[in-house]
Amino acid sequence: MPYQLQTSANDIVDPYQWPTLVLFCKRPKLHQGKQRIAEAISAEKTLIVAQALLDCAIEDSHAWRGPVVIACSDESDVEWAQSLNESAQVMTQLPSGMSGNLGQRLNYVDHVLRVFGHEKIITIGTDAPMLTPLHFSEAARALNKYDIVLSHADDGGVVIMANKSPWPNIIDLPWSTENLSQALAQACERSELNVHYMIPGYDIDYVADIKKLLNYLKNDQRPARKKLLTTLNQLFISSGVINHA
């Protein structure tokens, strides 16, 4: 079921001007990604977790009422990315043959989308299944008032990056560190963009995050989240990796 924006009389989101939801994703592969979790379980089981996390993000993309863009990390994965959501637009995070950090990728995707007329953009990754319709609703509403909207992550990163003004040059920020959220906000403010912090969240990098997520998902009725909960219970609780949730 599509997400319903929660609005008040003084804070209306035009249903015909929904932001574009951009999903930054990397195709799950053996021995790639979530290696801190792989230290506690096998690489094969970690791949199962990565796929289940991706399924939750795809679930969010199917529920979104506005335009959806899947930005895949490699040109060879374009066809695969399109199969995840046939109604989404698919692009690569950088031009063919180029490499770069997350800042370069975000700057590039943002620039291309604005060339093609996308104005309000909400960007997520594939490792924050705790995101709910409330998060997306607040991000969409906040873009009516602010240039930049961020959801701060427990580890110092961000789980949502939303903007109605182009990102400044964010290539040299401390990506994948506990200082990222603060540095990103400061870079935007230096470019005279007003920044709003919305509901915070967390992503899944460590077994401790899995334990937190197990509790969080207990009452979540979304199908991909229910499947994720079952998978995590099998891989972490039943196996004794986590004693209790």
C-alpha atoms as a PDB file:
ATOM      1  CA  MET A   1       0.000   0.000   0.000  1.00  0.00           C
ATOM      2  CA  PRO A   2       1.435   3.428  -0.888  1.00  0.00           C
ATOM      3  CA  TYR A   3       2.647   5.564   1.975  1.00  0.00           C
ATOM      4  CA  GLN A   4       0.183   8.215   3.119  1.00  0.00           C
ATOM      5  CA  LEU A   5       1.774  11.531   3.992  1.00  0.00           C
ATOM      6  CA  GLN A   6       0.690  12.758   7.396  1.00  0.00           C
ATOM      7  CA  THR A   7      -0.111  16.430   6.969  1.00  0.00           C
ATOM      8  CA  SER A   8      -1.796  19.261   8.794  1.00  0.00           C
ATOM      9  CA  ALA A   9      -3.722  22.237   7.461  1.00  0.00           C
ATOM     10  CA  ASN A  10      -0.589  24.368   7.730  1.00  0.00           C
ATOM     11  CA  ASP A  11       1.808  21.802   6.283  1.00  0.00           C
ATOM     12  CA  ILE A  12       0.536  20.374   3.030  1.00  0.00           C
ATOM     13  CA  VAL A  13       2.478  18.272   0.545  1.00  0.00           C
ATOM     14  CA  ASP A  14       1.050  18.602  -2.956  1.00  0.00           C
ATOM     15  CA  PRO A  15       0.312  15.019  -4.063  1.00  0.00           C
ATOM     16  CA  TYR A  16       1.380  15.969  -7.573  1.00  0.00           C
ATOM     17  CA  GLN A  17       4.772  17.177  -6.389  1.00  0.00           C
ATOM     18  CA  TRP A  18       6.048  14.153  -4.507  1.00  0.00           C
ATOM     19  CA  PRO A  19       9.818  14.086  -4.126  1.00  0.00           C
ATOM     20  CA  THR A  20      11.852  11.593  -6.093  1.00  0.00           C
ATOM     21  CA  LEU A  21      12.981   8.604  -4.044  1.00  0.00           C
ATOM     22  CA  VAL A  22      16.523   7.567  -4.943  1.00  0.00           C
ATOM     23  CA  LEU A  23      17.829   4.206  -3.813  1.00  0.00           C
ATOM     24  CA  PHE A  24      21.618   3.876  -3.798  1.00  0.00           C
ATOM     25  CA  CYS A  25      22.350   0.179  -4.050  1.00  0.00           C
ATOM     26  CA  LYS A  26      25.107  -2.310  -4.667  1.00  0.00           C
ATOM     27  CA  ARG A  27      24.325  -5.809  -5.861  1.00  0.00           C
ATOM     28  CA  PRO A  28      24.800  -8.241  -2.953  1.00  0.00           C
ATOM     29  CA  LYS A  29      27.759 -10.529  -3.596  1.00  0.00           C
ATOM     30  CA  LEU A  30      29.704 -13.083  -1.604  1.00  0.00           C
ATOM     31  CA  HIS A  31      32.529 -11.564   0.484  1.00  0.00           C
ATOM     32  CA  GLN A  32      31.414  -8.016  -0.358  1.00  0.00           C
ATOM     33  CA  GLY A  33      29.718  -5.765   2.176  1.00  0.00           C
ATOM     34  CA  LYS A  34      28.676  -6.275   5.796  1.00  0.00           C
ATOM     35  CA  GLN A  35      32.025  -7.853   6.619  1.00  0.00           C
ATOM     36  CA  ARG A  36      31.746  -6.906  10.292  1.00  0.00           C
ATOM     37  CA  ILE A  37      28.653  -9.098  10.444  1.00  0.00           C
ATOM     38  CA  ALA A  38      30.451 -11.813   8.460  1.00  0.00           C
ATOM     39  CA  GLU A  39      32.924 -12.082  11.326  1.00  0.00           C
ATOM     40  CA  ALA A  40      30.115 -13.496  13.486  1.00  0.00           C
ATOM     41  CA  ILE A  41      28.450 -15.699  10.870  1.00  0.00           C
ATOM     42  CA  SER A  42      29.628 -17.125   7.546  1.00  0.00           C
ATOM     43  CA  ALA A  43      30.053 -15.148   4.334  1.00  0.00           C
ATOM     44  CA  GLU A  44      27.253 -17.184   2.796  1.00  0.00           C
ATOM     45  CA  LYS A  45      24.875 -16.255   5.615  1.00  0.00           C
ATOM     46  CA  THR A  46      25.947 -12.621   5.429  1.00  0.00           C
ATOM     47  CA  LEU A  47      24.949 -12.616   1.770  1.00  0.00           C
ATOM     48  CA  ILE A  48      21.481 -13.810   2.806  1.00  0.00           C
ATOM     49  CA  VAL A  49      21.257 -10.911   5.277  1.00  0.00           C
ATOM     50  CA  ALA A  50      22.377  -8.413   2.627  1.00  0.00           C
ATOM     51  CA  GLN A  51      19.725  -9.642   0.206  1.00  0.00           C
ATOM     52  CA  ALA A  52      17.018  -9.445   2.871  1.00  0.00           C
ATOM     53  CA  LEU A  53      18.063  -5.876   3.701  1.00  0.00           C
ATOM     54  CA  LEU A  54      17.932  -4.956   0.017  1.00  0.00           C
ATOM     55  CA  ASP A  55      14.440  -6.447  -0.220  1.00  0.00           C
ATOM     56  CA  CYS A  56      13.266  -4.030   2.483  1.00  0.00           C
ATOM     57  CA  ALA A  57      14.579  -1.034   0.556  1.00  0.00           C
ATOM     58  CA  ILE A  58      12.919  -2.321  -2.609  1.00  0.00           C
ATOM     59  CA  GLU A  59       9.712  -2.691  -0.617  1.00  0.00           C
ATOM     60  CA  ASP A  60       9.983   1.018   0.214  1.00  0.00           C
ATOM     61  CA  SER A  61      10.517   1.856  -3.455  1.00  0.00           C
ATOM     62  CA  HIS A  62       7.371  -0.046  -4.486  1.00  0.00           C
ATOM     63  CA  ALA A  63       5.363   1.774  -1.808  1.00  0.00           C
ATOM     64  CA  TRP A  64       6.518   5.220  -2.912  1.00  0.00           C
ATOM     65  CA  ARG A  65       3.927   7.294  -4.781  1.00  0.00           C
ATOM     66  CA  GLY A  66       6.334   9.588  -6.564  1.00  0.00           C
ATOM     67  CA  PRO A  67       9.153   8.941  -9.031  1.00  0.00           C
ATOM     68  CA  VAL A  68      11.658   6.240  -8.054  1.00  0.00           C
ATOM     69  CA  VAL A  69      15.260   6.037  -9.210  1.00  0.00           C
ATOM     70  CA  ILE A  70      17.576   3.112  -8.509  1.00  0.00           C
ATOM     71  CA  ALA A  71      21.212   4.208  -8.668  1.00  0.00           C
ATOM     72  CA  CYS A  72      23.303   1.066  -8.991  1.00  0.00           C
ATOM     73  CA  SER A  73      27.024   0.972  -8.322  1.00  0.00           C
ATOM     74  CA  ASP A  74      28.127  -0.794 -11.504  1.00  0.00           C
ATOM     75  CA  GLU A  75      27.134  -0.514 -15.145  1.00  0.00           C
ATOM     76  CA  SER A  76      26.961  -4.300 -15.430  1.00  0.00           C
ATOM     77  CA  ASP A  77      24.150  -4.328 -12.852  1.00  0.00           C
ATOM     78  CA  VAL A  78      21.711  -2.042 -14.691  1.00  0.00           C
ATOM     79  CA  GLU A  79      19.542  -4.904 -15.954  1.00  0.00           C
ATOM     80  CA  TRP A  80      19.546  -6.499 -12.505  1.00  0.00           C
ATOM     81  CA  ALA A  81      18.573  -3.182 -10.889  1.00  0.00           C
ATOM     82  CA  GLN A  82      15.693  -2.738 -13.320  1.00  0.00           C
ATOM     83  CA  SER A  83      14.378  -6.176 -12.371  1.00  0.00           C
ATOM     84  CA  LEU A  84      14.064  -5.022  -8.740  1.00  0.00           C
ATOM     85  CA  ASN A  85      11.402  -2.453  -9.638  1.00  0.00           C
ATOM     86  CA  GLU A  86      10.242  -2.364 -13.225  1.00  0.00           C
ATOM     87  CA  SER A  87       8.543   1.021 -12.782  1.00  0.00           C
ATOM     88  CA  ALA A  88      11.711   2.700 -11.488  1.00  0.00           C
ATOM     89  CA  GLN A  89      14.233   4.616 -13.531  1.00  0.00           C
ATOM     90  CA  VAL A  90      17.694   3.076 -13.340  1.00  0.00           C
ATOM     91  CA  MET A  91      21.027   4.839 -13.620  1.00  0.00           C
ATOM     92  CA  THR A  92      24.604   4.248 -12.577  1.00  0.00           C
ATOM     93  CA  GLN A  93      26.165   6.167  -9.702  1.00  0.00           C
ATOM     94  CA  LEU A  94      29.000   7.385 -11.939  1.00  0.00           C
ATOM     95  CA  PRO A  95      29.639   7.551 -15.692  1.00  0.00           C
ATOM     96  CA  SER A  96      30.956   4.400 -17.325  1.00  0.00           C
ATOM     97  CA  GLY A  97      34.617   3.765 -16.549  1.00  0.00           C
ATOM     98  CA  MET A  98      34.820   6.202 -13.646  1.00  0.00           C
ATOM     99  CA  SER A  99      35.370   5.422  -9.974  1.00  0.00           C
ATOM    100  CA  GLY A 100      34.894   7.598  -6.928  1.00  0.00           C
ATOM    101  CA  ASN A 101      33.788   7.798  -3.322  1.00  0.00           C
ATOM    102  CA  LEU A 102      30.230   8.182  -2.091  1.00  0.00           C
ATOM    103  CA  GLY A 103      30.465  11.967  -2.219  1.00  0.00           C
ATOM    104  CA  GLN A 104      31.365  11.912  -5.897  1.00  0.00           C
ATOM    105  CA  ARG A 105      28.556   9.471  -6.576  1.00  0.00           C
ATOM    106  CA  LEU A 106      25.970  11.564  -4.758  1.00  0.00           C
ATOM    107  CA  ASN A 107      27.081  14.746  -6.506  1.00  0.00           C
ATOM    108  CA  TYR A 108      26.887  13.030  -9.891  1.00  0.00           C
ATOM    109  CA  VAL A 109      23.467  11.426  -9.380  1.00  0.00           C
ATOM    110  CA  ASP A 110      22.033  14.651  -7.979  1.00  0.00           C
ATOM    111  CA  HIS A 111      23.343  16.641 -10.954  1.00  0.00           C
ATOM    112  CA  VAL A 112      21.967  14.207 -13.550  1.00  0.00           C
ATOM    113  CA  LEU A 113      18.544  14.036 -11.928  1.00  0.00           C
ATOM    114  CA  ARG A 114      18.261  17.823 -11.796  1.00  0.00           C
ATOM    115  CA  VAL A 115      19.162  18.058 -15.471  1.00  0.00           C
ATOM    116  CA  PHE A 116      16.156  15.828 -16.115  1.00  0.00           C
ATOM    117  CA  GLY A 117      13.835  17.935 -13.978  1.00  0.00           C
ATOM    118  CA  HIS A 118      13.851  16.245 -10.579  1.00  0.00           C
ATOM    119  CA  GLU A 119      13.712  18.967  -7.919  1.00  0.00           C
ATOM    120  CA  LYS A 120      13.090  17.376  -4.512  1.00  0.00           C
ATOM    121  CA  ILE A 121      15.116  14.251  -3.864  1.00  0.00           C
ATOM    122  CA  ILE A 122      15.110  11.780  -0.975  1.00  0.00           C
ATOM    123  CA  THR A 123      18.100   9.426  -0.992  1.00  0.00           C
ATOM    124  CA  ILE A 124      18.359   6.200   0.981  1.00  0.00           C
ATOM    125  CA  GLY A 125      20.628   3.169   1.034  1.00  0.00           C
ATOM    126  CA  THR A 126      19.863  -0.504   1.528  1.00  0.00           C
ATOM    127  CA  ASP A 127      20.882  -1.032   5.145  1.00  0.00           C
ATOM    128  CA  ALA A 128      18.250   0.865   7.160  1.00  0.00           C
ATOM    129  CA  PRO A 129      15.162  -1.372   7.360  1.00  0.00           C
ATOM    130  CA  MET A 130      14.043   0.538  10.445  1.00  0.00           C
ATOM    131  CA  LEU A 131      12.783   3.289   8.119  1.00  0.00           C
ATOM    132  CA  THR A 132       9.006   3.613   8.297  1.00  0.00           C
ATOM    133  CA  PRO A 133       6.327   5.589   6.441  1.00  0.00           C
ATOM    134  CA  LEU A 134       6.705   8.211   9.179  1.00  0.00           C
ATOM    135  CA  HIS A 135      10.347   8.810   8.214  1.00  0.00           C
ATOM    136  CA  PHE A 136       9.496   9.245   4.552  1.00  0.00           C
ATOM    137  CA  SER A 137       6.484  11.390   5.363  1.00  0.00           C
ATOM    138  CA  GLU A 138       8.506  13.739   7.541  1.00  0.00           C
ATOM    139  CA  ALA A 139      11.296  14.007   4.967  1.00  0.00           C
ATOM    140  CA  ALA A 140       8.823  14.899   2.215  1.00  0.00           C
ATOM    141  CA  ARG A 141       7.082  17.533   4.334  1.00  0.00           C
ATOM    142  CA  ALA A 142      10.335  19.054   5.560  1.00  0.00           C
ATOM    143  CA  LEU A 143      11.523  19.626   1.990  1.00  0.00           C
ATOM    144  CA  ASN A 144       8.738  22.211   1.671  1.00  0.00           C
ATOM    145  CA  LYS A 145      10.604  24.366   4.208  1.00  0.00           C
ATOM    146  CA  TYR A 146      14.273  23.401   4.133  1.00  0.00           C
ATOM    147  CA  ASP A 147      16.993  23.028   1.525  1.00  0.00           C
ATOM    148  CA  ILE A 148      18.516  19.972   3.195  1.00  0.00           C
ATOM    149  CA  VAL A 149      16.871  17.335   5.405  1.00  0.00           C
ATOM    150  CA  LEU A 150      18.986  14.707   7.185  1.00  0.00           C
ATOM    151  CA  SER A 151      18.155  11.723   9.360  1.00  0.00           C
ATOM    152  CA  HIS A 152      21.092  11.277  11.704  1.00  0.00           C
ATOM    153  CA  ALA A 153      22.282   7.703  12.282  1.00  0.00           C
ATOM    154  CA  ASP A 154      23.401   6.345  15.643  1.00  0.00           C
ATOM    155  CA  ASP A 155      26.898   5.731  14.286  1.00  0.00           C
ATOM    156  CA  GLY A 156      27.356   9.337  13.163  1.00  0.00           C
ATOM    157  CA  GLY A 157      26.311   8.795   9.565  1.00  0.00           C
ATOM    158  CA  VAL A 158      22.942   9.435   7.955  1.00  0.00           C
ATOM    159  CA  VAL A 159      20.108   7.118   6.931  1.00  0.00           C
ATOM    160  CA  ILE A 160      18.217   9.692   4.850  1.00  0.00           C
ATOM    161  CA  MET A 161      19.702  12.518   2.766  1.00  0.00           C
ATOM    162  CA  ALA A 162      17.012  14.751   1.285  1.00  0.00           C
ATOM    163  CA  ASN A 163      17.517  17.943  -0.694  1.00  0.00           C
ATOM    164  CA  LYS A 164      15.645  20.438  -2.829  1.00  0.00           C
ATOM    165  CA  SER A 165      18.813  22.429  -3.582  1.00  0.00           C
ATOM    166  CA  PRO A 166      21.824  20.791  -5.239  1.00  0.00           C
ATOM    167  CA  TRP A 167      24.395  19.313  -2.910  1.00  0.00           C
ATOM    168  CA  PRO A 168      27.524  21.402  -2.542  1.00  0.00           C
ATOM    169  CA  ASN A 169      30.838  19.683  -3.294  1.00  0.00           C
ATOM    170  CA  ILE A 170      30.758  16.815  -0.777  1.00  0.00           C
ATOM    171  CA  ILE A 171      33.587  14.728  -2.199  1.00  0.00           C
ATOM    172  CA  ASP A 172      36.066  15.361   0.607  1.00  0.00           C
ATOM    173  CA  LEU A 173      33.760  14.684   3.559  1.00  0.00           C
ATOM    174  CA  PRO A 174      34.706  11.941   6.074  1.00  0.00           C
ATOM    175  CA  TRP A 175      32.515   9.264   4.519  1.00  0.00           C
ATOM    176  CA  SER A 176      31.915   6.091   6.561  1.00  0.00           C
ATOM    177  CA  THR A 177      33.028   7.753   9.796  1.00  0.00           C
ATOM    178  CA  GLU A 178      31.256   8.916  12.944  1.00  0.00           C
ATOM    179  CA  ASN A 179      31.786  12.522  11.846  1.00  0.00           C
ATOM    180  CA  LEU A 180      29.930  12.285   8.556  1.00  0.00           C
ATOM    181  CA  SER A 181      26.538  13.669   9.615  1.00  0.00           C
ATOM    182  CA  GLN A 182      28.024  16.739  11.255  1.00  0.00           C
ATOM    183  CA  ALA A 183      30.465  17.370   8.412  1.00  0.00           C
ATOM    184  CA  LEU A 184      27.696  17.066   5.828  1.00  0.00           C
ATOM    185  CA  ALA A 185      25.504  19.575   7.651  1.00  0.00           C
ATOM    186  CA  GLN A 186      28.417  21.992   8.013  1.00  0.00           C
ATOM    187  CA  ALA A 187      29.293  21.737   4.304  1.00  0.00           C
ATOM    188  CA  CYS A 188      25.713  22.584   3.399  1.00  0.00           C
ATOM    189  CA  GLU A 189      25.560  25.495   5.836  1.00  0.00           C
ATOM    190  CA  ARG A 190      28.798  26.906   4.432  1.00  0.00           C
ATOM    191  CA  SER A 191      27.017  26.976   1.076  1.00  0.00           C
ATOM    192  CA  GLU A 192      24.177  28.935   2.716  1.00  0.00           C
ATOM    193  CA  LEU A 193      21.734  26.024   2.616  1.00  0.00           C
ATOM    194  CA  ASN A 194      19.413  25.657   5.592  1.00  0.00           C
ATOM    195  CA  VAL A 195      19.609  22.210   7.204  1.00  0.00           C
ATOM    196  CA  HIS A 196      16.925  20.375   9.157  1.00  0.00           C
ATOM    197  CA  TYR A 197      17.458  17.210  11.197  1.00  0.00           C
ATOM    198  CA  MET A 198      14.417  14.932  11.132  1.00  0.00           C
ATOM    199  CA  ILE A 199      13.682  11.700  13.043  1.00  0.00           C
ATOM    200  CA  PRO A 200      16.997   9.881  13.624  1.00  0.00           C
ATOM    201  CA  GLY A 201      17.651   6.249  12.785  1.00  0.00           C
ATOM    202  CA  TYR A 202      20.355   3.631  12.441  1.00  0.00           C
ATOM    203  CA  ASP A 203      21.789   1.340   9.831  1.00  0.00           C
ATOM    204  CA  ILE A 204      22.951  -2.252  10.059  1.00  0.00           C
ATOM    205  CA  ASP A 205      26.721  -2.717  10.295  1.00  0.00           C
ATOM    206  CA  TYR A 206      27.345  -4.754  13.444  1.00  0.00           C
ATOM    207  CA  VAL A 207      25.772  -7.686  15.277  1.00  0.00           C
ATOM    208  CA  ALA A 208      24.703  -5.185  17.953  1.00  0.00           C
ATOM    209  CA  ASP A 209      22.623  -3.448  15.265  1.00  0.00           C
ATOM    210  CA  ILE A 210      21.007  -6.783  14.402  1.00  0.00           C
ATOM    211  CA  LYS A 211      20.004  -7.258  18.032  1.00  0.00           C
ATOM    212  CA  LYS A 212      18.418  -3.801  18.109  1.00  0.00           C
ATOM    213  CA  LEU A 213      16.637  -4.480  14.814  1.00  0.00           C
ATOM    214  CA  LEU A 214      15.175  -7.781  16.040  1.00  0.00           C
ATOM    215  CA  ASN A 215      13.256  -5.909  18.715  1.00  0.00           C
ATOM    216  CA  TYR A 216      12.322  -3.104  16.347  1.00  0.00           C
ATOM    217  CA  LEU A 217      10.786  -5.410  13.734  1.00  0.00           C
ATOM    218  CA  LYS A 218       8.605  -7.500  16.032  1.00  0.00           C
ATOM    219  CA  ASN A 219       5.446  -5.545  15.259  1.00  0.00           C
ATOM    220  CA  ASP A 220       6.263  -4.530  11.682  1.00  0.00           C
ATOM    221  CA  GLN A 221       3.705  -6.052   9.319  1.00  0.00           C
ATOM    222  CA  ARG A 222       5.379  -5.126   6.040  1.00  0.00           C
ATOM    223  CA  PRO A 223       6.110  -8.373   4.145  1.00  0.00           C
ATOM    224  CA  ALA A 224       9.811  -7.818   3.487  1.00  0.00           C
ATOM    225  CA  ARG A 225      10.346  -6.784   7.104  1.00  0.00           C
ATOM    226  CA  LYS A 226       8.528  -9.894   8.346  1.00  0.00           C
ATOM    227  CA  LYS A 227      10.726 -12.026   6.104  1.00  0.00           C
ATOM    228  CA  LEU A 228      13.819 -10.196   7.349  1.00  0.00           C
ATOM    229  CA  LEU A 229      12.803 -10.836  10.952  1.00  0.00           C
ATOM    230  CA  THR A 230      12.396 -14.547  10.247  1.00  0.00           C
ATOM    231  CA  THR A 231      15.779 -14.651   8.522  1.00  0.00           C
ATOM    232  CA  LEU A 232      17.543 -12.852  11.356  1.00  0.00           C
ATOM    233  CA  ASN A 233      15.951 -15.103  13.954  1.00  0.00           C
ATOM    234  CA  GLN A 234      17.172 -18.159  12.083  1.00  0.00           C
ATOM    235  CA  LEU A 235      20.704 -16.879  11.522  1.00  0.00           C
ATOM    236  CA  PHE A 236      21.342 -15.139  14.834  1.00  0.00           C
ATOM    237  CA  ILE A 237      18.950 -16.397  17.517  1.00  0.00           C
ATOM    238  CA  SER A 238      18.527 -20.067  16.628  1.00  0.00           C
ATOM    239  CA  SER A 239      22.263 -20.404  15.997  1.00  0.00           C
ATOM    240  CA  GLY A 240      23.153 -18.785  19.333  1.00  0.00           C
ATOM    241  CA  VAL A 241      25.057 -15.846  17.846  1.00  0.00           C
ATOM    242  CA  ILE A 242      22.682 -13.593  19.783  1.00  0.00           C
ATOM    243  CA  ASN A 243      21.443 -14.981  23.089  1.00  0.00           C
ATOM    244  CA  HIS A 244      18.133 -13.151  23.082  1.00  0.00           C
ATOM    245  CA  ALA A 245      16.427 -10.280  21.277  1.00  0.00           C
END
